[in-house]
C-alpha atoms as a PDB file:
ATOM      1  CA  MET A   1       0.031  -0.002   0.000  1.00  0.00           C
ATOM      2  CA  ARG A   2       1.516   3.478  -0.834  1.00  0.00           C
ATOM      3  CA  ARG A   3       2.808   4.972   2.133  1.00  0.00           C
ATOM      4  CA  MET A   4       1.746   1.807   4.026  1.00  0.00           C
ATOM      5  CA  LEU A   5       3.889   2.897   7.125  1.00  0.00           C
ATOM      6  CA  THR A   6       2.360   6.541   7.419  1.00  0.00           C
ATOM      7  CA  ILE A   7      -0.273   7.429   9.738  1.00  0.00           C
ATOM      8  CA  LEU A   8      -0.248  11.035  10.154  1.00  0.00           C
ATOM      9  CA  LEU A   9      -3.806  11.874  10.016  1.00  0.00           C
ATOM     10  CA  ALA A  10      -7.192  10.035  10.958  1.00  0.00           C
ATOM     11  CA  VAL A  11      -7.550  13.660   6.994  1.00  0.00           C
ATOM     12  CA  ALA A  12      -6.103  21.537 -12.132  1.00  0.00           C
ATOM     13  CA  VAL A  13      -7.378  24.215 -13.763  1.00  0.00           C
ATOM     14  CA  VAL A  14     -10.113  26.276 -12.011  1.00  0.00           C
ATOM     15  CA  VAL A  15     -13.590  26.074 -13.798  1.00  0.00           C
ATOM     16  CA  ALA A  16     -16.845  27.985 -13.384  1.00  0.00           C
ATOM     17  CA  ALA A  17     -18.384  26.879 -10.205  1.00  0.00           C
ATOM     18  CA  CYS A  18     -21.370  27.635  -7.909  1.00  0.00           C
ATOM     19  CA  THR A  19     -21.451  28.113  -4.169  1.00  0.00           C
ATOM     20  CA  SER A  20     -24.410  26.862  -2.305  1.00  0.00           C
ATOM     21  CA  THR A  21     -25.595  27.024   1.431  1.00  0.00           C
ATOM     22  CA  GLU A  22     -27.437  23.928   2.659  1.00  0.00           C
ATOM     23  CA  THR A  23     -27.990  21.667   5.544  1.00  0.00           C
ATOM     24  CA  THR A  24     -25.845  18.752   5.705  1.00  0.00           C
ATOM     25  CA  THR A  25     -25.633  15.782   8.229  1.00  0.00           C
ATOM     26  CA  THR A  26     -22.057  15.639   9.463  1.00  0.00           C
ATOM     27  CA  PRO A  27     -20.752  12.250  11.105  1.00  0.00           C
ATOM     28  CA  ALA A  28     -20.103  12.676  14.763  1.00  0.00           C
ATOM     29  CA  PRO A  29     -17.743  10.798  16.891  1.00  0.00           C
ATOM     30  CA  ALA A  30     -18.505   7.069  17.024  1.00  0.00           C
ATOM     31  CA  THR A  31     -20.062   7.337  20.593  1.00  0.00           C
ATOM     32  CA  SER A  32     -22.595  10.122  19.535  1.00  0.00           C
ATOM     33  CA  ALA A  33     -25.598  10.064  17.161  1.00  0.00           C
ATOM     34  CA  PRO A  34     -25.044  12.303  13.944  1.00  0.00           C
ATOM     35  CA  THR A  35     -25.950  15.973  14.343  1.00  0.00           C
ATOM     36  CA  SER A  36     -27.236  18.242  11.562  1.00  0.00           C
ATOM     37  CA  THR A  37     -25.612  21.488  10.980  1.00  0.00           C
ATOM     38  CA  THR A  38     -26.038  24.314   8.581  1.00  0.00           C
ATOM     39  CA  THR A  39     -22.955  24.781   6.633  1.00  0.00           C
ATOM     40  CA  THR A  40     -21.613  26.724   3.633  1.00  0.00           C
ATOM     41  CA  MET A  41     -20.196  24.067   1.095  1.00  0.00           C
ATOM     42  CA  PRO A  42     -16.987  25.178  -0.843  1.00  0.00           C
ATOM     43  CA  ALA A  43     -17.725  25.648  -4.600  1.00  0.00           C
ATOM     44  CA  THR A  44     -17.312  22.519  -6.778  1.00  0.00           C
ATOM     45  CA  THR A  45     -17.151  21.947 -10.416  1.00  0.00           C
ATOM     46  CA  GLN A  46     -20.061  20.484 -12.061  1.00  0.00           C
ATOM     47  CA  ALA A  47     -17.766  18.577 -14.221  1.00  0.00           C
ATOM     48  CA  PRO A  48     -14.158  17.018 -13.549  1.00  0.00           C
ATOM     49  CA  THR A  49     -11.431  19.304 -14.536  1.00  0.00           C
ATOM     50  CA  SER A  50      -9.509  16.035 -16.085  1.00  0.00           C
ATOM     51  CA  THR A  51     -10.219  12.366 -16.343  1.00  0.00           C
ATOM     52  CA  THR A  52      -7.873   9.632 -16.964  1.00  0.00           C
ATOM     53  CA  THR A  53      -8.413   5.850 -16.932  1.00  0.00           C
ATOM     54  CA  ASP A  54      -6.555   3.390 -14.629  1.00  0.00           C
ATOM     55  CA  PRO A  55      -5.423   0.721 -17.355  1.00  0.00           C
ATOM     56  CA  ALA A  56      -5.425  -2.035 -14.601  1.00  0.00           C
ATOM     57  CA  THR A  57      -9.209  -1.599 -13.773  1.00  0.00           C
ATOM     58  CA  GLU A  58     -10.355   0.670 -16.524  1.00  0.00           C
ATOM     59  CA  ARG A  59     -11.879   2.703 -13.717  1.00  0.00           C
ATOM     60  CA  ALA A  60     -11.968   6.666 -14.163  1.00  0.00           C
ATOM     61  CA  VAL A  61      -9.664   8.832 -12.251  1.00  0.00           C
ATOM     62  CA  ARG A  62     -11.228  12.155 -11.931  1.00  0.00           C
ATOM     63  CA  SER A  63      -9.811  15.531 -10.750  1.00  0.00           C
ATOM     64  CA  TYR A  64     -12.100  18.060  -9.319  1.00  0.00           C
ATOM     65  CA  ASP A  65     -11.926  21.711  -8.151  1.00  0.00           C
ATOM     66  CA  VAL A  66     -13.619  22.301  -5.086  1.00  0.00           C
ATOM     67  CA  GLY A  67     -13.271  25.808  -3.660  1.00  0.00           C
ATOM     68  CA  GLY A  68      -9.295  25.670  -4.536  1.00  0.00           C
ATOM     69  CA  VAL A  69      -8.825  22.224  -3.195  1.00  0.00           C
ATOM     70  CA  GLU A  70      -7.537  19.635  -5.713  1.00  0.00           C
ATOM     71  CA  VAL A  71      -9.682  16.551  -5.227  1.00  0.00           C
ATOM     72  CA  ILE A  72      -8.712  13.228  -7.222  1.00  0.00           C
ATOM     73  CA  VAL A  73     -10.902  10.184  -6.873  1.00  0.00           C
ATOM     74  CA  MET A  74     -12.101   7.120  -8.428  1.00  0.00           C
ATOM     75  CA  THR A  75     -15.946   7.455  -8.940  1.00  0.00           C
ATOM     76  CA  GLU A  76     -18.788   6.161 -10.973  1.00  0.00           C
ATOM     77  CA  THR A  77     -20.397   9.500 -10.927  1.00  0.00           C
ATOM     78  CA  ASP A  78     -19.493  12.776 -12.749  1.00  0.00           C
ATOM     79  CA  GLU A  79     -19.742  14.694  -9.728  1.00  0.00           C
ATOM     80  CA  LEU A  80     -18.512  14.277  -6.072  1.00  0.00           C
ATOM     81  CA  PRO A  81     -21.792  13.262  -3.892  1.00  0.00           C
ATOM     82  CA  GLN A  82     -22.639  15.288  -0.840  1.00  0.00           C
ATOM     83  CA  ARG A  83     -21.721  12.149   1.163  1.00  0.00           C
ATOM     84  CA  ALA A  84     -20.599   8.751  -0.076  1.00  0.00           C
ATOM     85  CA  GLU A  85     -23.026   6.001   0.873  1.00  0.00           C
ATOM     86  CA  ILE A  86     -21.247   2.975  -0.816  1.00  0.00           C
ATOM     87  CA  ILE A  87     -17.604   2.492  -1.208  1.00  0.00           C
ATOM     88  CA  GLU A  88     -15.452   0.045  -2.844  1.00  0.00           C
ATOM     89  CA  TYR A  89     -12.098  -0.584  -1.350  1.00  0.00           C
ATOM     90  CA  SER A  90      -9.023  -2.868  -1.788  1.00  0.00           C
ATOM     91  CA  THR A  91      -7.187  -3.368   1.517  1.00  0.00           C
ATOM     92  CA  THR A  92      -5.982  -5.445   4.201  1.00  0.00           C
ATOM     93  CA  LEU A  93      -8.268  -7.038   6.700  1.00  0.00           C
ATOM     94  CA  ILE A  94      -7.273  -8.346  10.101  1.00  0.00           C
ATOM     95  CA  ASP A  95      -9.862 -10.305  12.638  1.00  0.00           C
ATOM     96  CA  GLU A  96      -8.365 -10.268  16.027  1.00  0.00           C
ATOM     97  CA  GLY A  97     -11.517 -12.167  17.077  1.00  0.00           C
ATOM     98  CA  ALA A  98     -13.904  -9.154  17.241  1.00  0.00           C
ATOM     99  CA  GLY A  99     -14.848  -9.152  13.410  1.00  0.00           C
ATOM    100  CA  PRO A 100     -12.593  -8.319  10.512  1.00  0.00           C
ATOM    101  CA  LYS A 101     -11.200  -4.812  10.568  1.00  0.00           C
ATOM    102  CA  LEU A 102     -11.062  -2.732   7.321  1.00  0.00           C
ATOM    103  CA  CYS A 103      -7.587  -1.402   7.585  1.00  0.00           C
ATOM    104  CA  LEU A 104      -7.405   2.149   6.869  1.00  0.00           C
ATOM    105  CA  GLY A 105      -3.788   3.807   6.305  1.00  0.00           C
ATOM    106  CA  GLY A 106      -0.653   2.089   7.734  1.00  0.00           C
ATOM    107  CA  ILE A 107      -0.582  -1.521   8.461  1.00  0.00           C
ATOM    108  CA  LEU A 108       2.246  -2.771  11.167  1.00  0.00           C
ATOM    109  CA  LEU A 109       3.947  -5.413   9.174  1.00  0.00           C
ATOM    110  CA  SER A 110       4.202  -7.782  12.232  1.00  0.00           C
ATOM    111  CA  LEU A 111       3.165 -11.446  12.396  1.00  0.00           C
ATOM    112  CA  PRO A 112       0.207 -11.127  12.764  1.00  0.00           C
ATOM    113  CA  PRO A 113      -0.101  -7.603  11.160  1.00  0.00           C
ATOM    114  CA  GLN A 114      -1.879  -4.628  12.956  1.00  0.00           C
ATOM    115  CA  CYS A 115      -3.958  -1.763  11.891  1.00  0.00           C
ATOM    116  CA  PHE A 116      -6.814   0.480  12.833  1.00  0.00           C
ATOM    117  CA  GLY A 117     -10.051   0.689  10.908  1.00  0.00           C
ATOM    118  CA  PRO A 118     -13.865  -0.226  11.324  1.00  0.00           C
ATOM    119  CA  VAL A 119     -15.123  -3.573  11.535  1.00  0.00           C
ATOM    120  CA  ILE A 120     -17.154  -5.204   9.031  1.00  0.00           C
ATOM    121  CA  GLU A 121     -20.220  -6.689  10.642  1.00  0.00           C
ATOM    122  CA  ASP A 122     -21.220 -10.230  10.062  1.00  0.00           C
ATOM    123  CA  TYR A 123     -18.240 -11.139   7.753  1.00  0.00           C
ATOM    124  CA  GLU A 124     -16.471 -14.289   7.996  1.00  0.00           C
ATOM    125  CA  ILE A 125     -12.697 -14.348   6.372  1.00  0.00           C
ATOM    126  CA  SER A 126     -11.213 -17.526   7.977  1.00  0.00           C
ATOM    127  CA  GLY A 127     -12.103 -19.393   4.703  1.00  0.00           C
ATOM    128  CA  TRP A 128      -9.533 -17.417   2.814  1.00  0.00           C
ATOM    129  CA  ALA A 129      -7.409 -15.604   5.059  1.00  0.00           C
ATOM    130  CA  GLU A 130      -4.157 -16.486   6.604  1.00  0.00           C
ATOM    131  CA  GLU A 131      -3.735 -17.251  10.368  1.00  0.00           C
ATOM    132  CA  ALA A 132      -1.237 -16.529  13.034  1.00  0.00           C
ATOM    133  CA  SER A 133      -1.598 -16.566  16.750  1.00  0.00           C
ATOM    134  CA  GLU A 134      -5.265 -17.035  16.297  1.00  0.00           C
ATOM    135  CA  VAL A 135      -5.566 -13.677  14.054  1.00  0.00           C
ATOM    136  CA  TYR A 136      -6.894 -14.011  10.413  1.00  0.00           C
ATOM    137  CA  PHE A 137      -5.614 -11.714   7.965  1.00  0.00           C
ATOM    138  CA  GLY A 138      -5.460 -11.162   4.091  1.00  0.00           C
ATOM    139  CA  GLN A 139      -6.060  -8.583   1.330  1.00  0.00           C
ATOM    140  CA  ARG A 140      -9.554  -8.321  -0.357  1.00  0.00           C
ATOM    141  CA  ASN A 141     -11.443  -5.971  -2.287  1.00  0.00           C
ATOM    142  CA  VAL A 142     -14.760  -5.105  -0.433  1.00  0.00           C
ATOM    143  CA  ILE A 143     -17.891  -2.995  -1.132  1.00  0.00           C
ATOM    144  CA  VAL A 144     -19.152  -1.514   2.170  1.00  0.00           C
ATOM    145  CA  SER A 145     -21.374   1.022   3.534  1.00  0.00           C
ATOM    146  CA  TRP A 146     -19.830   4.503   4.430  1.00  0.00           C
ATOM    147  CA  PRO A 147     -19.317   6.109   6.770  1.00  0.00           C
ATOM    148  CA  PRO A 148     -18.918   3.874   9.616  1.00  0.00           C
ATOM    149  CA  ILE A 149     -21.462   4.011  12.311  1.00  0.00           C
ATOM    150  CA  GLU A 150     -20.205   3.285  15.800  1.00  0.00           C
ATOM    151  CA  ASP A 151     -16.894   2.171  14.148  1.00  0.00           C
ATOM    152  CA  ARG A 152     -18.704  -0.528  12.146  1.00  0.00           C
ATOM    153  CA  VAL A 153     -19.665  -0.786   8.587  1.00  0.00           C
ATOM    154  CA  ALA A 154     -21.875  -3.503   6.527  1.00  0.00           C
ATOM    155  CA  LEU A 155     -20.656  -5.683   3.530  1.00  0.00           C
ATOM    156  CA  VAL A 156     -22.362  -5.285   0.371  1.00  0.00           C
ATOM    157  CA  ALA A 157     -20.006  -7.628  -1.503  1.00  0.00           C
ATOM    158  CA  ASP A 158     -16.518  -8.822  -1.845  1.00  0.00           C
ATOM    159  CA  SER A 159     -14.098 -10.224  -4.372  1.00  0.00           C
ATOM    160  CA  GLU A 160     -10.317 -11.115  -4.836  1.00  0.00           C
ATOM    161  CA  PHE A 161      -7.887  -8.379  -4.104  1.00  0.00           C
ATOM    162  CA  GLN A 162      -7.133  -5.614  -6.713  1.00  0.00           C
ATOM    163  CA  SER A 163      -4.209  -3.390  -6.556  1.00  0.00           C
ATOM    164  CA  ASP A 164      -4.505  -0.388  -4.328  1.00  0.00           C
ATOM    165  CA  GLU A 165      -2.185   1.872  -6.288  1.00  0.00           C
ATOM    166  CA  MET A 166      -4.057   4.630  -8.190  1.00  0.00           C
ATOM    167  CA  PRO A 167      -2.310   6.456 -11.099  1.00  0.00           C
ATOM    168  CA  TYR A 168      -3.406  10.328 -10.954  1.00  0.00           C
ATOM    169  CA  PRO A 169      -2.249  13.314 -13.026  1.00  0.00           C
ATOM    170  CA  PRO A 170      -0.084  14.876 -10.376  1.00  0.00           C
ATOM    171  CA  GLY A 171       2.193  11.918 -10.599  1.00  0.00           C
ATOM    172  CA  GLU A 172       3.010  12.192 -14.193  1.00  0.00           C
ATOM    173  CA  LEU A 173       6.314  13.466 -15.351  1.00  0.00           C
ATOM    174  CA  PRO A 174       5.746  17.231 -16.558  1.00  0.00           C
ATOM    175  CA  THR A 175       5.451  17.590 -20.316  1.00  0.00           C
ATOM    176  CA  HIS A 176       8.506  19.950 -20.729  1.00  0.00           C
ATOM    177  CA  CYS A 177      10.774  17.063 -19.072  1.00  0.00           C
ATOM    178  CA  ALA A 178       9.477  14.263 -21.350  1.00  0.00           C
ATOM    179  CA  GLY A 179      12.481  15.191 -23.768  1.00  0.00           C
ATOM    180  CA  ILE A 180      15.179  14.581 -21.212  1.00  0.00           C
ATOM    181  CA  GLU A 181      17.051  11.689 -22.493  1.00  0.00           C
ATOM    182  CA  ASP A 182      19.564  11.526 -19.352  1.00  0.00           C
ATOM    183  CA  PHE A 183      18.571  12.571 -15.915  1.00  0.00           C
ATOM    184  CA  VAL A 184      20.836  13.982 -13.359  1.00  0.00           C
ATOM    185  CA  SER A 185      21.253  11.481 -10.516  1.00  0.00           C
ATOM    186  CA  ASN A 186      18.695  11.376  -7.612  1.00  0.00           C
ATOM    187  CA  ASP A 187      21.626  12.091  -5.221  1.00  0.00           C
ATOM    188  CA  ALA A 188      22.585  15.430  -6.899  1.00  0.00           C
ATOM    189  CA  ILE A 189      19.058  16.608  -7.045  1.00  0.00           C
ATOM    190  CA  GLN A 190      18.617  15.851  -3.403  1.00  0.00           C
ATOM    191  CA  GLN A 191      21.574  17.657  -2.354  1.00  0.00           C
ATOM    192  CA  TYR A 192      20.518  20.752  -4.470  1.00  0.00           C
ATOM    193  CA  SER A 193      17.072  20.715  -2.860  1.00  0.00           C
ATOM    194  CA  ARG A 194      18.676  20.626   0.726  1.00  0.00           C
ATOM    195  CA  ALA A 195      20.977  23.707  -0.176  1.00  0.00           C
ATOM    196  CA  LEU A 196      18.068  25.502  -1.086  1.00  0.00           C
ATOM    197  CA  GLY A 197      16.806  25.396   2.310  1.00  0.00           C
ATOM    198  CA  ASP A 198      13.502  27.211   3.178  1.00  0.00           C
ATOM    199  CA  GLN A 199      13.061  27.983  -0.562  1.00  0.00           C
ATOM    200  CA  THR A 200      12.608  24.535  -2.102  1.00  0.00           C
ATOM    201  CA  GLY A 201       9.066  23.374  -2.858  1.00  0.00           C
ATOM    202  CA  GLY A 202      10.204  19.683  -2.226  1.00  0.00           C
ATOM    203  CA  LEU A 203      10.748  16.597  -4.332  1.00  0.00           C
ATOM    204  CA  TYR A 204       8.507  13.898  -5.940  1.00  0.00           C
ATOM    205  CA  VAL A 205       8.795  10.780  -7.622  1.00  0.00           C
ATOM    206  CA  ALA A 206       6.969  10.804 -10.968  1.00  0.00           C
ATOM    207  CA  ASN A 207       4.939   7.661 -12.223  1.00  0.00           C
ATOM    208  CA  ASP A 208       8.099   6.700 -14.313  1.00  0.00           C
ATOM    209  CA  GLY A 209      10.470   6.928 -11.381  1.00  0.00           C
ATOM    210  CA  GLU A 210      12.043  10.098 -12.223  1.00  0.00           C
ATOM    211  CA  LEU A 211      12.765  12.694  -9.390  1.00  0.00           C
ATOM    212  CA  VAL A 212      11.091  16.092  -9.942  1.00  0.00           C
ATOM    213  CA  LEU A 213      12.630  19.100  -7.979  1.00  0.00           C
ATOM    214  CA  GLN A 214       9.825  21.918  -7.298  1.00  0.00           C
ATOM    215  CA  VAL A 215      10.899  25.438  -6.678  1.00  0.00           C
ATOM    216  CA  ILE A 216       8.955  28.616  -5.914  1.00  0.00           C
ATOM    217  CA  ASP A 217      10.993  30.970  -8.266  1.00  0.00           C
ATOM    218  CA  ASP A 218      12.025  30.819 -11.842  1.00  0.00           C
ATOM    219  CA  PRO A 219      12.926  27.061 -12.586  1.00  0.00           C
ATOM    220  CA  GLU A 220      15.224  27.876 -15.466  1.00  0.00           C
ATOM    221  CA  GLN A 221      18.122  29.008 -13.339  1.00  0.00           C
ATOM    222  CA  HIS A 222      18.108  25.833 -11.429  1.00  0.00           C
ATOM    223  CA  ARG A 223      17.869  23.622 -14.720  1.00  0.00           C
ATOM    224  CA  THR A 224      20.986  25.415 -15.578  1.00  0.00           C
ATOM    225  CA  ALA A 225      22.601  24.843 -12.309  1.00  0.00           C
ATOM    226  CA  LEU A 226      21.867  21.103 -12.338  1.00  0.00           C
ATOM    227  CA  ARG A 227      22.686  20.579 -15.908  1.00  0.00           C
ATOM    228  CA  ALA A 228      26.188  18.681 -16.623  1.00  0.00           C
ATOM    229  CA  ASP A 229      27.543  16.275 -18.819  1.00  0.00           C
ATOM    230  CA  GLY A 230      24.665  16.076 -21.138  1.00  0.00           C
ATOM    231  CA  GLN A 231      22.399  15.227 -17.897  1.00  0.00           C
ATOM    232  CA  ALA A 232      19.601  17.530 -17.146  1.00  0.00           C
ATOM    233  CA  ALA A 233      16.951  17.851 -14.214  1.00  0.00           C
ATOM    234  CA  CYS A 234      13.168  17.948 -14.133  1.00  0.00           C
ATOM    235  CA  VAL A 235      12.473  21.252 -12.327  1.00  0.00           C
ATOM    236  CA  VAL A 236       8.886  22.892 -12.027  1.00  0.00           C
ATOM    237  CA  GLN A 237       7.573  26.158 -10.473  1.00  0.00           C
ATOM    238  CA  VAL A 238       4.997  25.765  -7.311  1.00  0.00           C
ATOM    239  CA  ASP A 239       3.367  28.140  -5.178  1.00  0.00           C
ATOM    240  CA  HIS A 240       4.093  26.710  -1.716  1.00  0.00           C
ATOM    241  CA  THR A 241       7.398  25.778  -0.255  1.00  0.00           C
ATOM    242  CA  GLU A 242       7.883  22.498   1.518  1.00  0.00           C
ATOM    243  CA  LYS A 243       8.498  24.496   4.885  1.00  0.00           C
ATOM    244  CA  GLU A 244       4.744  25.972   4.444  1.00  0.00           C
ATOM    245  CA  LEU A 245       3.524  22.477   3.588  1.00  0.00           C
ATOM    246  CA  LEU A 246       4.849  20.908   6.797  1.00  0.00           C
ATOM    247  CA  GLN A 247       3.385  23.749   8.967  1.00  0.00           C
ATOM    248  CA  ILE A 248       0.070  23.043   7.501  1.00  0.00           C
ATOM    249  CA  GLN A 249       0.700  19.130   8.173  1.00  0.00           C
ATOM    250  CA  GLN A 250       1.582  20.118  11.590  1.00  0.00           C
ATOM    251  CA  ASP A 251      -1.468  22.274  12.196  1.00  0.00           C
ATOM    252  CA  LEU A 252      -3.651  19.828  10.725  1.00  0.00           C
ATOM    253  CA  ASN A 253      -2.119  16.914  12.956  1.00  0.00           C
ATOM    254  CA  THR A 254      -2.977  19.225  16.070  1.00  0.00           C
ATOM    255  CA  HIS A 255      -6.449  19.496  15.142  1.00  0.00           C
ATOM    256  CA  LEU A 256      -7.088  16.015  14.115  1.00  0.00           C
ATOM    257  CA  PHE A 257      -5.029  14.062  16.777  1.00  0.00           C
ATOM    258  CA  GLY A 258      -6.087  16.589  19.544  1.00  0.00           C
ATOM    259  CA  ASP A 259      -8.264  15.729  22.388  1.00  0.00           C
ATOM    260  CA  ASP A 260     -11.453  16.843  20.946  1.00  0.00           C
ATOM    261  CA  SER A 261     -14.467  15.528  18.877  1.00  0.00           C
ATOM    262  CA  ALA A 262     -12.353  16.205  15.330  1.00  0.00           C
ATOM    263  CA  SER A 263     -10.126  13.195  16.036  1.00  0.00           C
ATOM    264  CA  SER A 264     -13.062  11.001  16.147  1.00  0.00           C
ATOM    265  CA  LEU A 265     -14.586  12.630  13.169  1.00  0.00           C
ATOM    266  CA  ALA A 266     -11.469  12.098  10.853  1.00  0.00           C
ATOM    267  CA  ARG A 267     -11.398   8.408  12.100  1.00  0.00           C
ATOM    268  CA  ALA A 268     -15.123   8.276  11.021  1.00  0.00           C
ATOM    269  CA  MET A 269     -14.457   9.938   7.510  1.00  0.00           C
ATOM    270  CA  GLY A 270     -11.333   7.700   6.760  1.00  0.00           C
ATOM    271  CA  ILE A 271      -8.976  10.634   6.699  1.00  0.00           C
ATOM    272  CA  TYR A 272      -5.629   8.881   7.423  1.00  0.00           C
ATOM    273  CA  SER A 273      -2.527  10.445   6.111  1.00  0.00           C
ATOM    274  CA  SER A 274      -0.661  13.313   4.649  1.00  0.00           C
ATOM    275  CA  VAL A 275       2.571  14.202   2.908  1.00  0.00           C
ATOM    276  CA  PRO A 276       4.070  17.273   1.126  1.00  0.00           C
ATOM    277  CA  ALA A 277       3.966  15.935  -2.587  1.00  0.00           C
ATOM    278  CA  ALA A 278       3.507  16.979  -6.276  1.00  0.00           C
ATOM    279  CA  GLY A 279       2.515  20.296  -7.356  1.00  0.00           C
ATOM    280  CA  GLY A 280       3.543  21.936  -4.130  1.00  0.00           C
ATOM    281  CA  ARG A 281       0.449  20.649  -2.325  1.00  0.00           C
ATOM    282  CA  LEU A 282       0.024  18.824   0.954  1.00  0.00           C
ATOM    283  CA  GLU A 283      -1.404  15.638  -0.190  1.00  0.00           C
ATOM    284  CA  LEU A 284      -3.842  13.853   1.980  1.00  0.00           C
ATOM    285  CA  GLU A 285      -5.470  10.486   1.650  1.00  0.00           C
ATOM    286  CA  ALA A 286      -8.924   9.246   2.784  1.00  0.00           C
ATOM    287  CA  VAL A 287     -10.919   6.327   2.113  1.00  0.00           C
ATOM    288  CA  ALA A 288     -13.921   8.065   0.621  1.00  0.00           C
ATOM    289  CA  VAL A 289     -13.437  11.685  -0.688  1.00  0.00           C
ATOM    290  CA  ASP A 290     -17.138  13.458  -0.813  1.00  0.00           C
ATOM    291  CA  LEU A 291     -18.215  16.970  -0.416  1.00  0.00           C
ATOM    292  CA  GLU A 292     -18.469  16.543   3.374  1.00  0.00           C
ATOM    293  CA  THR A 293     -14.946  15.079   3.635  1.00  0.00           C
ATOM    294  CA  VAL A 294     -13.529  18.290   1.790  1.00  0.00           C
ATOM    295  CA  GLN A 295     -15.390  20.478   3.903  1.00  0.00           C
ATOM    296  CA  ALA A 296     -14.176  18.996   7.035  1.00  0.00           C
ATOM    297  CA  ILE A 297     -10.591  19.567   5.893  1.00  0.00           C
ATOM    298  CA  THR A 298     -10.812  22.957   4.387  1.00  0.00           C
ATOM    299  CA  ALA A 299     -12.440  24.191   7.823  1.00  0.00           C
ATOM    300  CA  LEU A 300      -8.941  23.541   9.251  1.00  0.00           C
ATOM    301  CA  VAL A 301      -6.707  25.291   6.650  1.00  0.00           C
ATOM    302  CA  ASP A 302      -6.532  28.901   5.529  1.00  0.00           C
ATOM    303  CA  ASP A 303      -5.223  28.255   2.217  1.00  0.00           C
ATOM    304  CA  PRO A 304      -7.203  25.344   0.420  1.00  0.00           C
ATOM    305  CA  THR A 305      -4.927  25.704  -2.921  1.00  0.00           C
ATOM    306  CA  ALA A 306      -2.241  24.118  -0.644  1.00  0.00           C
ATOM    307  CA  ILE A 307      -4.122  20.814  -0.221  1.00  0.00           C
ATOM    308  CA  ARG A 308      -4.812  17.749  -2.406  1.00  0.00           C
ATOM    309  CA  ILE A 309      -7.248  15.095  -1.245  1.00  0.00           C
ATOM    310  CA  ILE A 310      -6.760  11.585  -2.736  1.00  0.00           C
ATOM    311  CA  GLY A 311      -9.842   9.202  -2.451  1.00  0.00           C
ATOM    312  CA  LYS A 312      -8.344   5.550  -2.249  1.00  0.00           C
ATOM    313  CA  GLY A 313     -11.810   4.035  -2.304  1.00  0.00           C
ATOM    314  CA  ILE A 314     -13.984   3.954  -5.112  1.00  0.00           C
ATOM    315  CA  ILE A 315     -17.402   6.028  -4.440  1.00  0.00           C
ATOM    316  CA  VAL A 316     -19.924   3.502  -5.848  1.00  0.00           C
ATOM    317  CA  ASP A 317     -23.056   5.036  -7.973  1.00  0.00           C
ATOM    318  CA  GLN A 318     -25.909   5.114  -5.375  1.00  0.00           C
END
């Protein structure tokens, strides 16, 4: 699983959009009943800003602009729903005796493995799962109800495990770098990025494995500085420094892991990890990304353009 050991949070062209004020039902902590609140939803595009196809599953991977937040999700619908009610998710399931947990985020690779997540009610996995120390575990593709209620979800259907990797536009090598035949070594780019100090926008690995340097000023001067012996570097300009993104990440950690209801809310909504990544944005991963999830995150940040939210589960048409 991509960033399997990272558990940091339990959290592109802008087109014409409309902002609406409406009454929404926000999931409460597992011990409380849902409460109804009146909120102002961020603007959302009526159509994706871009769509690609996952060659492995032939599923559509759609990007949206939601009030400045970049949202990337596999979905069977053209628009993000207000609330996802059914999701398809490929992950590890672990049953320690109380029912199989749907692993969200990181998995501790012990024997047996360990993770956190809601329990799938009335689901028996011993027929196909591995066993160690009376704990059953294995990978599976499941379709379940969402969001969890009292930390439990209902099984709709299951099947053999599918890859949980998802190709998405920010991971592509920038177009202007496609002509580079011989890339500068990763060590050289990493050293150069460190030398930029607080001015670096950070690094990310493109889908083809090449390292991309992000800077906040004119990238040409950095391309020139790195060019040597026929080798060239892929350098792009972004709006936010890595230091700024790390501060946002720290602030979100404080909110979501603090001793308050937001921590339980984040777990209930499946918001579980973050890392500074492509495009100079803090990249968050969640199980299901709907408008309520986006709202919950944007309420905690000052600059939504610094955020990208990736839905690792597939929102099933409902």
